[in-house]
Amino acid sequence: MANHRSAEKRHRQSLKRAARNQHWRATCRNAVRRARRAAEEKAEDGAELCSQAERVLRKASSKGVFHPRTVSRTVSRLRRTLRAHGA
């Protein structure tokens, strides 16, 4: 455990930040999973779910949860999957 007040504060902040990042990571993972499943099942709402996933990913990127290039790569692969399955 931390021995200094500043270290205790840093620990508290890191726990808060980790919880916030975990929420955004889970939200992104679920959005991408829904979009990918819709693309593979050729659902008509696949494009809508893809754009929702992109919106969530970009928002998480702006909050510093993911690096912008990671998000771009994920969105690119998601769109490629959507096109390949013709959804």
PDB file of N, CA and C in Angstrom:
ATOM      1  N   MET A   1       0.848  -1.183   0.000  1.00  0.00           N
ATOM      2  CA  MET A   1       0.000   0.000   0.000  1.00  0.00           C
ATOM      3  C   MET A   1       0.888   1.240   0.000  1.00  0.00           C
ATOM      4  N   ALA A   2       0.317   2.332  -0.436  1.00  0.00           N
ATOM      5  CA  ALA A   2       1.078   3.575  -0.570  1.00  0.00           C
ATOM      6  C   ALA A   2       1.418   4.149   0.800  1.00  0.00           C
ATOM      7  N   ASN A   3       2.601   4.763   0.891  1.00  0.00           N
ATOM      8  CA  ASN A   3       3.057   5.327   2.154  1.00  0.00           C
ATOM      9  C   ASN A   3       2.952   6.841   2.202  1.00  0.00           C
ATOM     10  N   HIS A   4       2.774   7.481   1.072  1.00  0.00           N
ATOM     11  CA  HIS A   4       2.696   8.942   1.030  1.00  0.00           C
ATOM     12  C   HIS A   4       1.300   9.368   0.605  1.00  0.00           C
ATOM     13  N   ARG A   5       0.913  10.558   1.040  1.00  0.00           N
ATOM     14  CA  ARG A   5      -0.424  11.048   0.688  1.00  0.00           C
ATOM     15  C   ARG A   5      -0.580  11.181  -0.815  1.00  0.00           C
ATOM     16  N   SER A   6       0.460  11.652  -1.474  1.00  0.00           N
ATOM     17  CA  SER A   6       0.370  11.821  -2.928  1.00  0.00           C
ATOM     18  C   SER A   6       0.245  10.465  -3.625  1.00  0.00           C
ATOM     19  N   ALA A   7       0.934   9.456  -3.090  1.00  0.00           N
ATOM     20  CA  ALA A   7       0.849   8.119  -3.674  1.00  0.00           C
ATOM     21  C   ALA A   7      -0.531   7.517  -3.438  1.00  0.00           C
ATOM     22  N   GLU A   8      -1.118   7.794  -2.273  1.00  0.00           N
ATOM     23  CA  GLU A   8      -2.475   7.320  -1.997  1.00  0.00           C
ATOM     24  C   GLU A   8      -3.467   7.948  -2.963  1.00  0.00           C
ATOM     25  N   LYS A   9      -3.287   9.239  -3.210  1.00  0.00           N
ATOM     26  CA  LYS A   9      -4.173   9.934  -4.143  1.00  0.00           C
ATOM     27  C   LYS A   9      -4.014   9.361  -5.553  1.00  0.00           C
ATOM     28  N   ARG A  10      -2.768   9.129  -5.964  1.00  0.00           N
ATOM     29  CA  ARG A  10      -2.536   8.558  -7.291  1.00  0.00           C
ATOM     30  C   ARG A  10      -3.203   7.186  -7.411  1.00  0.00           C
ATOM     31  N   HIS A  11      -3.154   6.414  -6.342  1.00  0.00           N
ATOM     32  CA  HIS A  11      -3.771   5.092  -6.359  1.00  0.00           C
ATOM     33  C   HIS A  11      -5.287   5.212  -6.495  1.00  0.00           C
ATOM     34  N   ARG A  12      -5.886   6.131  -5.725  1.00  0.00           N
ATOM     35  CA  ARG A  12      -7.336   6.356  -5.835  1.00  0.00           C
ATOM     36  C   ARG A  12      -7.711   6.757  -7.254  1.00  0.00           C
ATOM     37  N   GLN A  13      -6.928   7.668  -7.827  1.00  0.00           N
ATOM     38  CA  GLN A  13      -7.212   8.141  -9.181  1.00  0.00           C
ATOM     39  C   GLN A  13      -7.065   7.011 -10.202  1.00  0.00           C
ATOM     40  N   SER A  14      -6.053   6.176 -10.006  1.00  0.00           N
ATOM     41  CA  SER A  14      -5.842   5.093 -10.968  1.00  0.00           C
ATOM     42  C   SER A  14      -6.991   4.091 -10.911  1.00  0.00           C
ATOM     43  N   LEU A  15      -7.542   3.853  -9.719  1.00  0.00           N
ATOM     44  CA  LEU A  15      -8.690   2.948  -9.604  1.00  0.00           C
ATOM     45  C   LEU A  15      -9.911   3.522 -10.307  1.00  0.00           C
ATOM     46  N   LYS A  16     -10.136   4.828 -10.123  1.00  0.00           N
ATOM     47  CA  LYS A  16     -11.265   5.480 -10.797  1.00  0.00           C
ATOM     48  C   LYS A  16     -11.104   5.414 -12.308  1.00  0.00           C
ATOM     49  N   ARG A  17      -9.887   5.711 -12.770  1.00  0.00           N
ATOM     50  CA  ARG A  17      -9.620   5.713 -14.204  1.00  0.00           C
ATOM     51  C   ARG A  17      -9.773   4.310 -14.787  1.00  0.00           C
ATOM     52  N   ALA A  18      -9.301   3.314 -14.053  1.00  0.00           N
ATOM     53  CA  ALA A  18      -9.400   1.936 -14.534  1.00  0.00           C
ATOM     54  C   ALA A  18     -10.858   1.513 -14.662  1.00  0.00           C
ATOM     55  N   ALA A  19     -11.690   1.909 -13.696  1.00  0.00           N
ATOM     56  CA  ALA A  19     -13.114   1.570 -13.761  1.00  0.00           C
ATOM     57  C   ALA A  19     -13.772   2.243 -14.958  1.00  0.00           C
ATOM     58  N   ARG A  20     -13.424   3.500 -15.188  1.00  0.00           N
ATOM     59  CA  ARG A  20     -13.998   4.237 -16.320  1.00  0.00           C
ATOM     60  C   ARG A  20     -13.569   3.603 -17.635  1.00  0.00           C
ATOM     61  N   ASN A  21     -12.268   3.263 -17.748  1.00  0.00           N
ATOM     62  CA  ASN A  21     -11.772   2.637 -18.975  1.00  0.00           C
ATOM     63  C   ASN A  21     -12.412   1.277 -19.199  1.00  0.00           C
ATOM     64  N   GLN A  22     -12.622   0.537 -18.114  1.00  0.00           N
ATOM     65  CA  GLN A  22     -13.235  -0.783 -18.228  1.00  0.00           C
ATOM     66  C   GLN A  22     -14.648  -0.660 -18.777  1.00  0.00           C
ATOM     67  N   HIS A  23     -15.389   0.347 -18.329  1.00  0.00           N
ATOM     68  CA  HIS A  23     -16.748   0.576 -18.831  1.00  0.00           C
ATOM     69  C   HIS A  23     -16.723   0.829 -20.332  1.00  0.00           C
ATOM     70  N   TRP A  24     -15.817   1.710 -20.773  1.00  0.00           N
ATOM     71  CA  TRP A  24     -15.766   2.050 -22.196  1.00  0.00           C
ATOM     72  C   TRP A  24     -15.284   0.879 -23.035  1.00  0.00           C
ATOM     73  N   ARG A  25     -14.311   0.108 -22.517  1.00  0.00           N
ATOM     74  CA  ARG A  25     -13.837  -1.063 -23.258  1.00  0.00           C
ATOM     75  C   ARG A  25     -14.957  -2.077 -23.447  1.00  0.00           C
ATOM     76  N   ALA A  26     -15.732  -2.311 -22.386  1.00  0.00           N
ATOM     77  CA  ALA A  26     -16.841  -3.264 -22.472  1.00  0.00           C
ATOM     78  C   ALA A  26     -17.908  -2.766 -23.442  1.00  0.00           C
ATOM     79  N   THR A  27     -18.211  -1.465 -23.394  1.00  0.00           N
ATOM     80  CA  THR A  27     -19.206  -0.894 -24.298  1.00  0.00           C
ATOM     81  C   THR A  27     -18.765  -1.059 -25.747  1.00  0.00           C
ATOM     82  N   CYS A  28     -17.500  -0.791 -26.013  1.00  0.00           N
ATOM     83  CA  CYS A  28     -16.968  -0.934 -27.373  1.00  0.00           C
ATOM     84  C   CYS A  28     -16.991  -2.391 -27.814  1.00  0.00           C
ATOM     85  N   ARG A  29     -16.567  -3.277 -26.939  1.00  0.00           N
ATOM     86  CA  ARG A  29     -16.532  -4.697 -27.277  1.00  0.00           C
ATOM     87  C   ARG A  29     -17.933  -5.202 -27.630  1.00  0.00           C
ATOM     88  N   ASN A  30     -18.938  -4.789 -26.843  1.00  0.00           N
ATOM     89  CA  ASN A  30     -20.307  -5.220 -27.113  1.00  0.00           C
ATOM     90  C   ASN A  30     -20.820  -4.647 -28.424  1.00  0.00           C
ATOM     91  N   ALA A  31     -20.515  -3.382 -28.702  1.00  0.00           N
ATOM     92  CA  ALA A  31     -20.978  -2.749 -29.939  1.00  0.00           C
ATOM     93  C   ALA A  31     -20.359  -3.435 -31.152  1.00  0.00           C
ATOM     94  N   VAL A  32     -19.063  -3.730 -31.085  1.00  0.00           N
ATOM     95  CA  VAL A  32     -18.390  -4.396 -32.201  1.00  0.00           C
ATOM     96  C   VAL A  32     -18.936  -5.806 -32.368  1.00  0.00           C
ATOM     97  N   ARG A  33     -19.173  -6.493 -31.274  1.00  0.00           N
ATOM     98  CA  ARG A  33     -19.707  -7.855 -31.332  1.00  0.00           C
ATOM     99  C   ARG A  33     -21.086  -7.870 -31.987  1.00  0.00           C
ATOM    100  N   ARG A  34     -21.950  -6.903 -31.598  1.00  0.00           N
ATOM    101  CA  ARG A  34     -23.287  -6.818 -32.198  1.00  0.00           C
ATOM    102  C   ARG A  34     -23.197  -6.548 -33.695  1.00  0.00           C
ATOM    103  N   ALA A  35     -22.325  -5.622 -34.086  1.00  0.00           N
ATOM    104  CA  ALA A  35     -22.185  -5.268 -35.501  1.00  0.00           C
ATOM    105  C   ALA A  35     -21.638  -6.448 -36.303  1.00  0.00           C
ATOM    106  N   ARG A  36     -20.641  -7.131 -35.763  1.00  0.00           N
ATOM    107  CA  ARG A  36     -20.055  -8.265 -36.477  1.00  0.00           C
ATOM    108  C   ARG A  36     -21.070  -9.396 -36.625  1.00  0.00           C
ATOM    109  N   ARG A  37     -21.839  -9.651 -35.576  1.00  0.00           N
ATOM    110  CA  ARG A  37     -22.856 -10.703 -35.637  1.00  0.00           C
ATOM    111  C   ARG A  37     -23.925 -10.362 -36.671  1.00  0.00           C
ATOM    112  N   ALA A  38     -24.332  -9.085 -36.710  1.00  0.00           N
ATOM    113  CA  ALA A  38     -25.339  -8.657 -37.689  1.00  0.00           C
ATOM    114  C   ALA A  38     -24.799  -8.802 -39.105  1.00  0.00           C
ATOM    115  N   ALA A  39     -23.523  -8.497 -39.304  1.00  0.00           N
ATOM    116  CA  ALA A  39     -22.923  -8.622 -40.636  1.00  0.00           C
ATOM    117  C   ALA A  39     -22.878 -10.086 -41.067  1.00  0.00           C
ATOM    118  N   GLU A  40     -22.500 -10.965 -40.155  1.00  0.00           N
ATOM    119  CA  GLU A  40     -22.395 -12.382 -40.497  1.00  0.00           C
ATOM    120  C   GLU A  40     -23.756 -13.015 -40.743  1.00  0.00           C
ATOM    121  N   GLU A  41     -24.789 -12.508 -40.068  1.00  0.00           N
ATOM    122  CA  GLU A  41     -26.143 -13.036 -40.268  1.00  0.00           C
ATOM    123  C   GLU A  41     -26.864 -12.315 -41.395  1.00  0.00           C
ATOM    124  N   LYS A  42     -26.156 -11.363 -42.042  1.00  0.00           N
ATOM    125  CA  LYS A  42     -26.714 -10.578 -43.138  1.00  0.00           C
ATOM    126  C   LYS A  42     -28.003  -9.868 -42.729  1.00  0.00           C
ATOM    127  N   ALA A  43     -28.014  -9.350 -41.522  1.00  0.00           N
ATOM    128  CA  ALA A  43     -29.176  -8.605 -41.031  1.00  0.00           C
ATOM    129  C   ALA A  43     -29.247  -7.259 -41.733  1.00  0.00           C
ATOM    130  N   GLU A  44     -30.477  -6.742 -41.886  1.00  0.00           N
ATOM    131  CA  GLU A  44     -30.607  -5.470 -42.598  1.00  0.00           C
ATOM    132  C   GLU A  44     -30.149  -4.282 -41.756  1.00  0.00           C
ATOM    133  N   ASP A  45     -30.043  -4.445 -40.443  1.00  0.00           N
ATOM    134  CA  ASP A  45     -29.558  -3.340 -39.607  1.00  0.00           C
ATOM    135  C   ASP A  45     -28.040  -3.416 -39.375  1.00  0.00           C
ATOM    136  N   GLY A  46     -27.336  -4.183 -40.195  1.00  0.00           N
ATOM    137  CA  GLY A  46     -25.887  -4.336 -40.043  1.00  0.00           C
ATOM    138  C   GLY A  46     -25.136  -3.032 -40.221  1.00  0.00           C
ATOM    139  N   ALA A  47     -25.543  -2.247 -41.230  1.00  0.00           N
ATOM    140  CA  ALA A  47     -24.864  -0.972 -41.479  1.00  0.00           C
ATOM    141  C   ALA A  47     -25.100  -0.003 -40.328  1.00  0.00           C
ATOM    142  N   GLU A  48     -26.314  -0.005 -39.797  1.00  0.00           N
ATOM    143  CA  GLU A  48     -26.637   0.880 -38.668  1.00  0.00           C
ATOM    144  C   GLU A  48     -25.827   0.485 -37.433  1.00  0.00           C
ATOM    145  N   LEU A  49     -25.754  -0.810 -37.160  1.00  0.00           N
ATOM    146  CA  LEU A  49     -24.976  -1.274 -36.010  1.00  0.00           C
ATOM    147  C   LEU A  49     -23.487  -0.992 -36.199  1.00  0.00           C
ATOM    148  N   CYS A  50     -23.018  -1.052 -37.437  1.00  0.00           N
ATOM    149  CA  CYS A  50     -21.616  -0.734 -37.726  1.00  0.00           C
ATOM    150  C   CYS A  50     -21.333   0.735 -37.432  1.00  0.00           C
ATOM    151  N   SER A  51     -22.235   1.611 -37.839  1.00  0.00           N
ATOM    152  CA  SER A  51     -22.017   3.038 -37.577  1.00  0.00           C
ATOM    153  C   SER A  51     -22.135   3.346 -36.088  1.00  0.00           C
ATOM    154  N   GLN A  52     -23.015   2.632 -35.377  1.00  0.00           N
ATOM    155  CA  GLN A  52     -23.103   2.812 -33.921  1.00  0.00           C
ATOM    156  C   GLN A  52     -21.800   2.372 -33.256  1.00  0.00           C
ATOM    157  N   ALA A  53     -21.262   1.252 -33.706  1.00  0.00           N
ATOM    158  CA  ALA A  53     -20.001   0.764 -33.145  1.00  0.00           C
ATOM    159  C   ALA A  53     -18.880   1.762 -33.417  1.00  0.00           C
ATOM    160  N   GLU A  54     -18.869   2.322 -34.627  1.00  0.00           N
ATOM    161  CA  GLU A  54     -17.842   3.313 -34.947  1.00  0.00           C
ATOM    162  C   GLU A  54     -17.975   4.532 -34.047  1.00  0.00           C
ATOM    163  N   ARG A  55     -19.199   4.973 -33.813  1.00  0.00           N
ATOM    164  CA  ARG A  55     -19.428   6.141 -32.962  1.00  0.00           C
ATOM    165  C   ARG A  55     -18.908   5.878 -31.548  1.00  0.00           C
ATOM    166  N   VAL A  56     -19.224   4.706 -31.012  1.00  0.00           N
ATOM    167  CA  VAL A  56     -18.780   4.357 -29.655  1.00  0.00           C
ATOM    168  C   VAL A  56     -17.253   4.269 -29.596  1.00  0.00           C
ATOM    169  N   LEU A  57     -16.654   3.648 -30.613  1.00  0.00           N
ATOM    170  CA  LEU A  57     -15.196   3.514 -30.634  1.00  0.00           C
ATOM    171  C   LEU A  57     -14.506   4.868 -30.712  1.00  0.00           C
ATOM    172  N   ARG A  58     -15.006   5.751 -31.568  1.00  0.00           N
ATOM    173  CA  ARG A  58     -14.383   7.075 -31.703  1.00  0.00           C
ATOM    174  C   ARG A  58     -14.526   7.879 -30.413  1.00  0.00           C
ATOM    175  N   LYS A  59     -15.669   7.720 -29.747  1.00  0.00           N
ATOM    176  CA  LYS A  59     -15.871   8.436 -28.486  1.00  0.00           C
ATOM    177  C   LYS A  59     -14.880   7.925 -27.431  1.00  0.00           C
ATOM    178  N   ALA A  60     -14.698   6.612 -27.369  1.00  0.00           N
ATOM    179  CA  ALA A  60     -13.734   6.037 -26.424  1.00  0.00           C
ATOM    180  C   ALA A  60     -12.321   6.513 -26.749  1.00  0.00           C
ATOM    181  N   SER A  61     -12.022   6.650 -28.032  1.00  0.00           N
ATOM    182  CA  SER A  61     -10.708   7.149 -28.443  1.00  0.00           C
ATOM    183  C   SER A  61     -10.507   8.581 -27.981  1.00  0.00           C
ATOM    184  N   SER A  62     -11.543   9.394 -28.097  1.00  0.00           N
ATOM    185  CA  SER A  62     -11.415  10.796 -27.684  1.00  0.00           C
ATOM    186  C   SER A  62     -11.239  10.919 -26.176  1.00  0.00           C
ATOM    187  N   LYS A  63     -11.700   9.910 -25.429  1.00  0.00           N
ATOM    188  CA  LYS A  63     -11.538   9.918 -23.980  1.00  0.00           C
ATOM    189  C   LYS A  63     -10.215   9.288 -23.550  1.00  0.00           C
ATOM    190  N   GLY A  64      -9.419   8.823 -24.518  1.00  0.00           N
ATOM    191  CA  GLY A  64      -8.109   8.275 -24.199  1.00  0.00           C
ATOM    192  C   GLY A  64      -8.117   6.813 -23.816  1.00  0.00           C
ATOM    193  N   VAL A  65      -9.228   6.121 -24.048  1.00  0.00           N
ATOM    194  CA  VAL A  65      -9.289   4.703 -23.704  1.00  0.00           C
ATOM    195  C   VAL A  65      -8.501   3.886 -24.720  1.00  0.00           C
ATOM    196  N   PHE A  66      -8.639   4.224 -26.000  1.00  0.00           N
ATOM    197  CA  PHE A  66      -7.929   3.544 -27.080  1.00  0.00           C
ATOM    198  C   PHE A  66      -7.118   4.555 -27.869  1.00  0.00           C
ATOM    199  N   HIS A  67      -6.047   4.082 -28.478  1.00  0.00           N
ATOM    200  CA  HIS A  67      -5.273   4.922 -29.389  1.00  0.00           C
ATOM    201  C   HIS A  67      -6.089   5.118 -30.671  1.00  0.00           C
ATOM    202  N   PRO A  68      -6.036   6.307 -31.254  1.00  0.00           N
ATOM    203  CA  PRO A  68      -6.828   6.570 -32.471  1.00  0.00           C
ATOM    204  C   PRO A  68      -6.551   5.593 -33.613  1.00  0.00           C
ATOM    205  N   ARG A  69      -5.302   5.156 -33.767  1.00  0.00           N
ATOM    206  CA  ARG A  69      -5.010   4.212 -34.857  1.00  0.00           C
ATOM    207  C   ARG A  69      -5.611   2.837 -34.582  1.00  0.00           C
ATOM    208  N   THR A  70      -5.677   2.455 -33.315  1.00  0.00           N
ATOM    209  CA  THR A  70      -6.319   1.191 -32.963  1.00  0.00           C
ATOM    210  C   THR A  70      -7.784   1.233 -33.354  1.00  0.00           C
ATOM    211  N   VAL A  71      -8.426   2.362 -33.085  1.00  0.00           N
ATOM    212  CA  VAL A  71      -9.841   2.521 -33.423  1.00  0.00           C
ATOM    213  C   VAL A  71     -10.024   2.503 -34.937  1.00  0.00           C
ATOM    214  N   SER A  72      -9.163   3.204 -35.660  1.00  0.00           N
ATOM    215  CA  SER A  72      -9.267   3.226 -37.121  1.00  0.00           C
ATOM    216  C   SER A  72      -9.116   1.825 -37.697  1.00  0.00           C
ATOM    217  N   ARG A  73      -8.181   1.065 -37.164  1.00  0.00           N
ATOM    218  CA  ARG A  73      -7.968  -0.304 -37.637  1.00  0.00           C
ATOM    219  C   ARG A  73      -9.192  -1.175 -37.354  1.00  0.00           C
ATOM    220  N   THR A  74      -9.762  -1.039 -36.165  1.00  0.00           N
ATOM    221  CA  THR A  74     -10.936  -1.821 -35.797  1.00  0.00           C
ATOM    222  C   THR A  74     -12.121  -1.480 -36.684  1.00  0.00           C
ATOM    223  N   VAL A  75     -12.336  -0.186 -36.920  1.00  0.00           N
ATOM    224  CA  VAL A  75     -13.452   0.255 -37.761  1.00  0.00           C
ATOM    225  C   VAL A  75     -13.252  -0.240 -39.188  1.00  0.00           C
ATOM    226  N   SER A  76     -12.020  -0.163 -39.679  1.00  0.00           N
ATOM    227  CA  SER A  76     -11.728  -0.619 -41.033  1.00  0.00           C
ATOM    228  C   SER A  76     -12.035  -2.103 -41.184  1.00  0.00           C
ATOM    229  N   ARG A  77     -11.630  -2.901 -40.224  1.00  0.00           N
ATOM    230  CA  ARG A  77     -11.884  -4.347 -40.279  1.00  0.00           C
ATOM    231  C   ARG A  77     -13.371  -4.643 -40.165  1.00  0.00           C
ATOM    232  N   LEU A  78     -14.063  -3.865 -39.360  1.00  0.00           N
ATOM    233  CA  LEU A  78     -15.499  -4.063 -39.201  1.00  0.00           C
ATOM    234  C   LEU A  78     -16.230  -3.755 -40.503  1.00  0.00           C
ATOM    235  N   ARG A  79     -15.863  -2.658 -41.143  1.00  0.00           N
ATOM    236  CA  ARG A  79     -16.482  -2.296 -42.426  1.00  0.00           C
ATOM    237  C   ARG A  79     -16.147  -3.328 -43.507  1.00  0.00           C
ATOM    238  N   ARG A  80     -14.914  -3.839 -43.483  1.00  0.00           N
ATOM    239  CA  ARG A  80     -14.523  -4.861 -44.461  1.00  0.00           C
ATOM    240  C   ARG A  80     -15.355  -6.130 -44.264  1.00  0.00           C
ATOM    241  N   THR A  81     -15.599  -6.510 -43.013  1.00  0.00           N
ATOM    242  CA  THR A  81     -16.439  -7.665 -42.718  1.00  0.00           C
ATOM    243  C   THR A  81     -17.856  -7.431 -43.209  1.00  0.00           C
ATOM    244  N   LEU A  82     -18.354  -6.224 -42.995  1.00  0.00           N
ATOM    245  CA  LEU A  82     -19.710  -5.881 -43.430  1.00  0.00           C
ATOM    246  C   LEU A  82     -19.831  -6.002 -44.948  1.00  0.00           C
ATOM    247  N   ARG A  83     -18.841  -5.476 -45.670  1.00  0.00           N
ATOM    248  CA  ARG A  83     -18.866  -5.554 -47.138  1.00  0.00           C
ATOM    249  C   ARG A  83     -18.730  -7.000 -47.620  1.00  0.00           C
ATOM    250  N   ALA A  84     -17.875  -7.775 -46.968  1.00  0.00           N
ATOM    251  CA  ALA A  84     -17.630  -9.153 -47.396  1.00  0.00           C
ATOM    252  C   ALA A  84     -18.880 -10.013 -47.259  1.00  0.00           C
ATOM    253  N   HIS A  85     -19.656  -9.757 -46.228  1.00  0.00           N
ATOM    254  CA  HIS A  85     -20.868 -10.546 -46.006  1.00  0.00           C
ATOM    255  C   HIS A  85     -22.067  -9.956 -46.726  1.00  0.00           C
ATOM    256  N   GLY A  86     -21.890  -8.800 -47.305  1.00  0.00           N
ATOM    257  CA  GLY A  86     -22.965  -8.200 -48.089  1.00  0.00           C
ATOM    258  C   GLY A  86     -24.156  -7.754 -47.277  1.00  0.00           C
ATOM    259  N   ALA A  87     -23.919  -7.393 -46.030  1.00  0.00           N
ATOM    260  CA  ALA A  87     -25.040  -6.952 -45.186  1.00  0.00           C
ATOM    261  C   ALA A  87     -25.273  -5.468 -45.359  1.00  0.00           C
TER     262      ALA A  87
END
